[in-house]
Amino acid sequence: MKAILTRNIWAPAAVLLASALCAAPAAAQTERTGKEVVDAQCSKCHLEGKGGAPKIGDRDAWVQRLKKGLDATVREAIRGHGGMPARGDKADLTDREVRNAILYMYYPGNAPK
């Protein structure tokens, strides 16, 4: 009898755990392209260069930002830089999405998809 009670106590927990694990992949977000991120968020400032933001496609302005390296520039965008809030005020952006957005703004015609 004791063994039956022990199994019955853990059975509901096992069912909940299994259902949570099965549901996790469905909740996973598809990575957005650099263009999608820029169109949805970055263009709010980078389209017109608000607050000194380098404009989309202005390679000379972006070269100045990228002099310290792409990784350093991405870290600044993730943490926030000058008047720009962290992740461009879009907290759900992944590090890779931020990177792709920067590459897109540097060279829209040849950025990774």
N, C-alpha and C. Protein backbone atom coordinates (compact mmCIF):
# COMPACT_ATOMS: atom_id res chain seq x y z
N MET A 1 0.82 -1.20 0.00
CA MET A 1 0.00 0.00 0.00
C MET A 1 0.86 1.27 0.00
N LYS A 2 1.94 1.23 0.77
CA LYS A 2 2.82 2.38 0.85
C LYS A 2 3.45 2.69 -0.51
N ALA A 3 3.85 1.67 -1.25
CA ALA A 3 4.44 1.86 -2.58
C ALA A 3 3.45 2.48 -3.54
N ILE A 4 2.19 2.09 -3.46
CA ILE A 4 1.15 2.66 -4.32
C ILE A 4 0.97 4.14 -4.01
N LEU A 5 0.96 4.50 -2.73
CA LEU A 5 0.80 5.90 -2.35
C LEU A 5 1.99 6.73 -2.82
N THR A 6 3.17 6.19 -2.71
CA THR A 6 4.36 6.92 -3.15
C THR A 6 4.30 7.19 -4.65
N ARG A 7 3.93 6.20 -5.44
CA ARG A 7 3.81 6.40 -6.88
C ARG A 7 2.72 7.41 -7.21
N ASN A 8 1.64 7.40 -6.49
CA ASN A 8 0.55 8.33 -6.76
C ASN A 8 0.92 9.78 -6.43
N ILE A 9 1.81 9.96 -5.48
CA ILE A 9 2.25 11.31 -5.14
C ILE A 9 3.08 11.90 -6.26
N TRP A 10 3.96 11.11 -6.86
CA TRP A 10 4.87 11.60 -7.88
C TRP A 10 4.27 11.61 -9.27
N ALA A 11 3.22 10.86 -9.50
CA ALA A 11 2.63 10.80 -10.84
C ALA A 11 2.18 12.16 -11.35
N PRO A 12 1.45 12.96 -10.56
CA PRO A 12 1.04 14.28 -11.07
C PRO A 12 2.24 15.19 -11.38
N ALA A 13 3.29 15.11 -10.56
CA ALA A 13 4.47 15.92 -10.81
C ALA A 13 5.14 15.51 -12.12
N ALA A 14 5.20 14.22 -12.37
CA ALA A 14 5.80 13.73 -13.61
C ALA A 14 5.00 14.18 -14.82
N VAL A 15 3.70 14.17 -14.72
CA VAL A 15 2.84 14.61 -15.82
C VAL A 15 3.06 16.10 -16.09
N LEU A 16 3.13 16.91 -15.04
CA LEU A 16 3.35 18.35 -15.21
C LEU A 16 4.72 18.63 -15.84
N LEU A 17 5.74 17.92 -15.37
CA LEU A 17 7.07 18.10 -15.93
C LEU A 17 7.12 17.71 -17.40
N ALA A 18 6.52 16.59 -17.72
CA ALA A 18 6.50 16.13 -19.12
C ALA A 18 5.76 17.11 -20.01
N SER A 19 4.65 17.64 -19.54
CA SER A 19 3.90 18.58 -20.38
C SER A 19 4.65 19.90 -20.55
N ALA A 20 5.37 20.32 -19.52
CA ALA A 20 6.16 21.55 -19.63
C ALA A 20 7.30 21.36 -20.63
N LEU A 21 7.94 20.22 -20.59
CA LEU A 21 9.03 19.96 -21.53
C LEU A 21 8.54 19.87 -22.96
N CYS A 22 7.38 19.31 -23.15
CA CYS A 22 6.82 19.19 -24.50
C CYS A 22 6.38 20.55 -25.04
N ALA A 23 5.94 21.43 -24.17
CA ALA A 23 5.44 22.74 -24.60
C ALA A 23 6.58 23.72 -24.88
N ALA A 24 7.75 23.49 -24.30
CA ALA A 24 8.85 24.44 -24.43
C ALA A 24 9.23 24.74 -25.88
N PRO A 25 9.42 23.75 -26.76
CA PRO A 25 9.80 24.09 -28.13
C PRO A 25 8.76 24.93 -28.86
N ALA A 26 7.50 24.73 -28.56
CA ALA A 26 6.46 25.51 -29.23
C ALA A 26 6.55 26.98 -28.86
N ALA A 27 7.06 27.27 -27.66
CA ALA A 27 7.15 28.65 -27.21
C ALA A 27 8.42 29.34 -27.71
N ALA A 28 9.34 28.59 -28.28
CA ALA A 28 10.59 29.17 -28.76
C ALA A 28 10.32 30.19 -29.86
N GLN A 29 11.06 31.29 -29.80
CA GLN A 29 10.87 32.38 -30.75
C GLN A 29 11.78 32.17 -31.96
N THR A 30 11.28 32.44 -33.11
CA THR A 30 12.08 32.39 -34.32
C THR A 30 12.95 33.63 -34.37
N GLU A 31 14.22 33.44 -34.71
CA GLU A 31 15.14 34.57 -34.77
C GLU A 31 14.74 35.53 -35.88
N ARG A 32 14.73 36.82 -35.54
CA ARG A 32 14.40 37.87 -36.52
C ARG A 32 15.66 38.26 -37.28
N THR A 33 15.48 38.63 -38.53
CA THR A 33 16.61 39.08 -39.35
C THR A 33 17.00 40.49 -38.94
N GLY A 34 18.20 40.89 -39.36
CA GLY A 34 18.64 42.25 -39.10
C GLY A 34 17.67 43.27 -39.67
N LYS A 35 17.19 43.03 -40.87
CA LYS A 35 16.23 43.94 -41.51
C LYS A 35 14.95 44.03 -40.70
N GLU A 36 14.45 42.90 -40.23
CA GLU A 36 13.21 42.90 -39.43
C GLU A 36 13.39 43.72 -38.15
N VAL A 37 14.52 43.54 -37.49
CA VAL A 37 14.80 44.28 -36.25
C VAL A 37 14.92 45.77 -36.54
N VAL A 38 15.65 46.10 -37.59
CA VAL A 38 15.85 47.51 -37.94
C VAL A 38 14.51 48.15 -38.31
N ASP A 39 13.73 47.48 -39.14
CA ASP A 39 12.44 48.03 -39.55
C ASP A 39 11.50 48.24 -38.37
N ALA A 40 11.51 47.30 -37.44
CA ALA A 40 10.59 47.36 -36.30
C ALA A 40 11.05 48.30 -35.20
N GLN A 41 12.36 48.43 -34.99
CA GLN A 41 12.82 49.17 -33.82
C GLN A 41 13.91 50.20 -34.11
N CYS A 42 14.98 49.78 -34.71
CA CYS A 42 16.16 50.64 -34.85
C CYS A 42 15.91 51.86 -35.72
N SER A 43 15.05 51.69 -36.71
CA SER A 43 14.80 52.80 -37.64
C SER A 43 14.17 54.01 -36.95
N LYS A 44 13.61 53.82 -35.78
CA LYS A 44 13.01 54.94 -35.05
C LYS A 44 14.01 56.06 -34.82
N CYS A 45 15.27 55.69 -34.63
CA CYS A 45 16.32 56.70 -34.45
C CYS A 45 17.33 56.70 -35.59
N HIS A 46 17.67 55.51 -36.07
CA HIS A 46 18.75 55.41 -37.06
C HIS A 46 18.33 55.81 -38.46
N LEU A 47 17.06 55.89 -38.75
CA LEU A 47 16.62 56.31 -40.08
C LEU A 47 16.99 57.77 -40.33
N GLU A 48 16.76 58.61 -39.32
CA GLU A 48 17.04 60.04 -39.46
C GLU A 48 18.28 60.49 -38.70
N GLY A 49 18.90 59.59 -37.95
CA GLY A 49 20.09 59.95 -37.18
C GLY A 49 19.79 60.73 -35.92
N LYS A 50 18.66 60.45 -35.29
CA LYS A 50 18.28 61.18 -34.06
C LYS A 50 19.32 61.00 -32.97
N GLY A 51 19.62 62.09 -32.30
CA GLY A 51 20.55 62.06 -31.17
C GLY A 51 21.96 61.62 -31.54
N GLY A 52 22.33 61.78 -32.80
CA GLY A 52 23.66 61.39 -33.24
C GLY A 52 23.79 59.93 -33.63
N ALA A 53 22.66 59.22 -33.69
CA ALA A 53 22.70 57.82 -34.11
C ALA A 53 23.16 57.73 -35.55
N PRO A 54 24.09 56.82 -35.85
CA PRO A 54 24.51 56.69 -37.25
C PRO A 54 23.35 56.22 -38.11
N LYS A 55 23.17 56.86 -39.24
CA LYS A 55 22.05 56.52 -40.11
C LYS A 55 22.24 55.17 -40.79
N ILE A 56 21.14 54.55 -41.09
CA ILE A 56 21.14 53.27 -41.79
C ILE A 56 21.81 53.46 -43.15
N GLY A 57 22.81 52.65 -43.42
CA GLY A 57 23.50 52.72 -44.71
C GLY A 57 24.61 53.75 -44.80
N ASP A 58 24.81 54.58 -43.76
CA ASP A 58 25.88 55.58 -43.76
C ASP A 58 27.17 54.88 -43.31
N ARG A 59 27.86 54.28 -44.24
CA ARG A 59 29.00 53.44 -43.91
C ARG A 59 30.11 54.22 -43.22
N ASP A 60 30.32 55.46 -43.61
CA ASP A 60 31.37 56.26 -42.96
C ASP A 60 31.08 56.43 -41.47
N ALA A 61 29.83 56.72 -41.14
CA ALA A 61 29.45 56.88 -39.73
C ALA A 61 29.57 55.55 -38.98
N TRP A 62 29.19 54.46 -39.63
CA TRP A 62 29.28 53.15 -38.97
C TRP A 62 30.72 52.69 -38.81
N VAL A 63 31.59 53.04 -39.75
CA VAL A 63 33.01 52.67 -39.62
C VAL A 63 33.58 53.27 -38.34
N GLN A 64 33.19 54.49 -38.03
CA GLN A 64 33.65 55.13 -36.79
C GLN A 64 33.22 54.31 -35.56
N ARG A 65 32.02 53.79 -35.59
CA ARG A 65 31.52 52.96 -34.48
C ARG A 65 32.21 51.60 -34.43
N LEU A 66 32.50 51.07 -35.61
CA LEU A 66 33.06 49.72 -35.70
C LEU A 66 34.58 49.67 -35.57
N LYS A 67 35.23 50.82 -35.40
CA LYS A 67 36.69 50.84 -35.27
C LYS A 67 37.17 49.98 -34.10
N LYS A 68 36.39 49.92 -33.06
CA LYS A 68 36.79 49.12 -31.89
C LYS A 68 36.41 47.65 -32.05
N GLY A 69 35.83 47.31 -33.20
CA GLY A 69 35.48 45.93 -33.49
C GLY A 69 33.98 45.69 -33.41
N LEU A 70 33.53 44.72 -34.18
CA LEU A 70 32.10 44.39 -34.20
C LEU A 70 31.62 43.91 -32.83
N ASP A 71 32.40 43.05 -32.19
CA ASP A 71 31.97 42.51 -30.89
C ASP A 71 31.79 43.62 -29.86
N ALA A 72 32.72 44.57 -29.83
CA ALA A 72 32.62 45.69 -28.88
C ALA A 72 31.41 46.57 -29.19
N THR A 73 31.14 46.79 -30.46
CA THR A 73 29.99 47.60 -30.87
C THR A 73 28.69 46.89 -30.49
N VAL A 74 28.65 45.60 -30.68
CA VAL A 74 27.46 44.83 -30.30
C VAL A 74 27.26 44.89 -28.79
N ARG A 75 28.35 44.73 -28.03
CA ARG A 75 28.24 44.82 -26.56
C ARG A 75 27.69 46.16 -26.12
N GLU A 76 28.14 47.24 -26.76
CA GLU A 76 27.64 48.58 -26.42
C GLU A 76 26.14 48.68 -26.71
N ALA A 77 25.72 48.13 -27.83
CA ALA A 77 24.30 48.18 -28.19
C ALA A 77 23.48 47.35 -27.21
N ILE A 78 24.01 46.24 -26.76
CA ILE A 78 23.31 45.38 -25.81
C ILE A 78 23.18 46.08 -24.46
N ARG A 79 24.23 46.75 -24.03
CA ARG A 79 24.25 47.41 -22.72
C ARG A 79 23.63 48.81 -22.75
N GLY A 80 23.62 49.42 -23.93
CA GLY A 80 23.18 50.81 -24.07
C GLY A 80 24.40 51.68 -24.31
N HIS A 81 24.23 52.70 -25.12
CA HIS A 81 25.37 53.55 -25.49
C HIS A 81 24.86 54.97 -25.69
N GLY A 82 25.48 55.92 -25.00
CA GLY A 82 25.05 57.31 -25.12
C GLY A 82 23.57 57.43 -24.79
N GLY A 83 22.79 57.97 -25.72
CA GLY A 83 21.36 58.12 -25.51
C GLY A 83 20.55 56.88 -25.88
N MET A 84 21.24 55.86 -26.40
CA MET A 84 20.52 54.66 -26.81
C MET A 84 20.33 53.72 -25.62
N PRO A 85 19.09 53.33 -25.34
CA PRO A 85 18.88 52.38 -24.24
C PRO A 85 19.37 50.99 -24.62
N ALA A 86 19.56 50.16 -23.63
CA ALA A 86 20.02 48.78 -23.84
C ALA A 86 19.12 48.08 -24.85
N ARG A 87 19.75 47.38 -25.78
CA ARG A 87 19.06 46.63 -26.84
C ARG A 87 18.08 47.51 -27.62
N GLY A 88 18.41 48.79 -27.71
CA GLY A 88 17.57 49.70 -28.49
C GLY A 88 16.16 49.80 -27.93
N ASP A 89 16.02 49.57 -26.63
CA ASP A 89 14.74 49.62 -25.93
C ASP A 89 13.80 48.49 -26.36
N LYS A 90 14.37 47.39 -26.80
CA LYS A 90 13.61 46.20 -27.20
C LYS A 90 14.24 45.02 -26.47
N ALA A 91 13.85 44.83 -25.21
CA ALA A 91 14.50 43.88 -24.31
C ALA A 91 14.51 42.44 -24.81
N ASP A 92 13.57 42.08 -25.68
CA ASP A 92 13.51 40.68 -26.11
C ASP A 92 14.43 40.36 -27.29
N LEU A 93 15.24 41.31 -27.72
CA LEU A 93 16.19 41.03 -28.80
C LEU A 93 17.31 40.14 -28.28
N THR A 94 17.67 39.13 -29.05
CA THR A 94 18.81 38.29 -28.69
C THR A 94 20.09 39.02 -29.07
N ASP A 95 21.20 38.57 -28.53
CA ASP A 95 22.50 39.15 -28.88
C ASP A 95 22.74 39.04 -30.38
N ARG A 96 22.39 37.91 -30.94
CA ARG A 96 22.59 37.71 -32.38
C ARG A 96 21.70 38.64 -33.21
N GLU A 97 20.48 38.87 -32.76
CA GLU A 97 19.59 39.80 -33.48
C GLU A 97 20.15 41.22 -33.44
N VAL A 98 20.72 41.61 -32.30
CA VAL A 98 21.35 42.94 -32.20
C VAL A 98 22.52 43.01 -33.18
N ARG A 99 23.33 41.97 -33.21
CA ARG A 99 24.48 41.91 -34.13
C ARG A 99 24.02 42.03 -35.57
N ASN A 100 23.01 41.26 -35.93
CA ASN A 100 22.51 41.29 -37.31
C ASN A 100 21.92 42.65 -37.67
N ALA A 101 21.30 43.30 -36.71
CA ALA A 101 20.75 44.64 -36.98
C ALA A 101 21.87 45.64 -37.25
N ILE A 102 22.95 45.54 -36.48
CA ILE A 102 24.09 46.44 -36.69
C ILE A 102 24.70 46.21 -38.07
N LEU A 103 24.89 44.95 -38.42
CA LEU A 103 25.43 44.63 -39.75
C LEU A 103 24.51 45.13 -40.86
N TYR A 104 23.21 45.00 -40.65
CA TYR A 104 22.25 45.48 -41.65
C TYR A 104 22.36 47.00 -41.78
N MET A 105 22.44 47.71 -40.65
CA MET A 105 22.50 49.17 -40.72
C MET A 105 23.81 49.64 -41.36
N TYR A 106 24.88 48.89 -41.16
CA TYR A 106 26.17 49.24 -41.79
C TYR A 106 26.08 49.07 -43.30
N TYR A 107 25.52 47.96 -43.74
CA TYR A 107 25.49 47.67 -45.17
C TYR A 107 24.20 46.92 -45.49
N PRO A 108 23.09 47.66 -45.65
CA PRO A 108 21.79 47.02 -45.87
C PRO A 108 21.74 46.06 -47.05
N GLY A 109 22.51 46.32 -48.09
CA GLY A 109 22.44 45.49 -49.28
C GLY A 109 23.15 44.16 -49.17
N ASN A 110 24.00 44.00 -48.15
CA ASN A 110 24.79 42.77 -48.08
C ASN A 110 24.81 42.17 -46.67
N ALA A 111 23.87 42.55 -45.82
CA ALA A 111 23.84 42.05 -44.44
C ALA A 111 23.38 40.59 -44.41
N PRO A 112 23.82 39.84 -43.38
CA PRO A 112 23.36 38.45 -43.27
C PRO A 112 21.87 38.38 -43.08
N LYS A 113 21.27 37.39 -43.67
CA LYS A 113 19.81 37.23 -43.57
C LYS A 113 19.45 36.49 -42.31
